Amino acid sequence: MASRPSKAAVTGNPAVNPSTEWVNLFGAITLADGRPAPYGTIVDAYAPGGLRCGTFLVTEVGRYGPMPCYRDDPTTPELDG
């Protein structure tokens, strides 16, 4: 399970590098003007250092998830999810 908090942001980044540990994020999501996020909105989650650790395509207006948010694998040299 990820030990660092992450935040969700509405953006459009490509795929995430998965690892063997993650948390599933889900909930309601709105746009900056308060409207529910429409179908097709991409929701990304970021670790505190700015590394994207999860991404999800909205398929139900105003809701996202479950979105896996991956923890870094300390046994590899690269930074994961």
Protein backbone atom coordinates (compact mmCIF):
# COMPACT_ATOMS: atom_id res chain seq x y z
CA MET A 1 0.00 0.00 0.00
CA ALA A 2 1.30 3.48 -0.82
CA SER A 3 2.71 5.28 2.18
CA ARG A 4 2.72 8.70 0.53
CA PRO A 5 -0.44 10.70 -0.14
CA SER A 6 -1.35 11.63 -3.68
CA LYS A 7 -3.70 14.14 -5.25
CA ALA A 8 -6.03 13.83 -8.21
CA ALA A 9 -5.93 16.37 -11.00
CA VAL A 10 -7.84 16.63 -14.26
CA THR A 11 -5.20 16.41 -17.01
CA GLY A 12 -4.40 14.28 -20.04
CA ASN A 13 -1.17 12.34 -19.50
CA PRO A 14 -0.41 8.92 -21.02
CA ALA A 15 -0.04 5.59 -19.22
CA VAL A 16 1.49 5.02 -15.76
CA ASN A 17 4.42 2.71 -14.91
CA PRO A 18 2.81 0.12 -12.58
CA SER A 19 4.50 -1.56 -9.62
CA THR A 20 3.52 -4.45 -7.34
CA GLU A 21 1.93 -2.19 -4.68
CA TRP A 22 -0.91 0.31 -5.05
CA VAL A 23 -4.01 1.86 -3.53
CA ASN A 24 -7.30 2.24 -5.40
CA LEU A 25 -8.68 5.78 -5.47
CA PHE A 26 -12.31 6.60 -6.29
CA GLY A 27 -14.92 9.24 -5.71
CA ALA A 28 -16.72 12.27 -7.08
CA ILE A 29 -14.91 14.73 -9.35
CA THR A 30 -15.87 18.16 -10.62
CA LEU A 31 -14.34 20.64 -13.02
CA ALA A 32 -12.96 23.98 -11.79
CA ASP A 33 -16.33 25.64 -12.43
CA GLY A 34 -18.14 23.10 -10.23
CA ARG A 35 -19.77 21.04 -12.98
CA PRO A 36 -19.40 17.23 -12.74
CA ALA A 37 -16.50 15.93 -14.83
CA PRO A 38 -17.97 14.70 -18.14
CA TYR A 39 -17.57 11.29 -19.73
CA GLY A 40 -14.10 11.02 -21.28
CA THR A 41 -12.32 13.25 -18.74
CA ILE A 42 -8.88 11.92 -17.80
CA VAL A 43 -8.10 12.00 -14.07
CA ASP A 44 -4.45 11.67 -13.03
CA ALA A 45 -2.99 11.13 -9.53
CA TYR A 46 0.45 12.40 -8.53
CA ALA A 47 2.83 11.51 -5.70
CA PRO A 48 4.18 14.45 -3.65
CA GLY A 49 7.37 14.61 -5.77
CA GLY A 50 5.31 15.16 -8.93
CA LEU A 51 5.51 11.63 -10.36
CA ARG A 52 2.24 10.48 -11.91
CA CYS A 53 1.15 7.31 -10.11
CA GLY A 54 -2.36 6.74 -11.51
CA THR A 55 -4.66 7.63 -14.40
CA PHE A 56 -8.36 7.00 -15.06
CA LEU A 57 -10.82 7.76 -17.89
CA VAL A 58 -14.19 8.93 -16.54
CA THR A 59 -16.97 6.60 -17.72
CA GLU A 60 -19.69 7.84 -15.34
CA VAL A 61 -20.34 11.59 -15.23
CA GLY A 62 -18.95 13.11 -12.01
CA ARG A 63 -17.31 9.88 -10.75
CA TYR A 64 -13.91 8.24 -11.13
CA GLY A 65 -12.36 4.96 -10.04
CA PRO A 66 -11.31 2.60 -8.99
CA MET A 67 -8.01 4.12 -10.13
CA PRO A 68 -4.87 2.23 -9.04
CA CYS A 69 -2.22 4.63 -7.73
CA TYR A 70 1.11 2.79 -7.75
CA ARG A 71 3.84 2.95 -5.14
CA ASP A 72 7.50 3.19 -6.13
CA ASP A 73 9.26 -0.19 -6.12
CA PRO A 74 12.43 0.39 -4.03
CA THR A 75 14.06 -2.76 -5.51
CA THR A 76 14.36 -1.19 -8.99
CA PRO A 77 16.51 1.78 -10.06
CA GLU A 78 13.70 3.54 -11.95
CA LEU A 79 10.88 5.46 -10.33
CA ASP A 80 7.63 3.58 -10.73
CA GLY A 81 4.04 4.77 -10.69
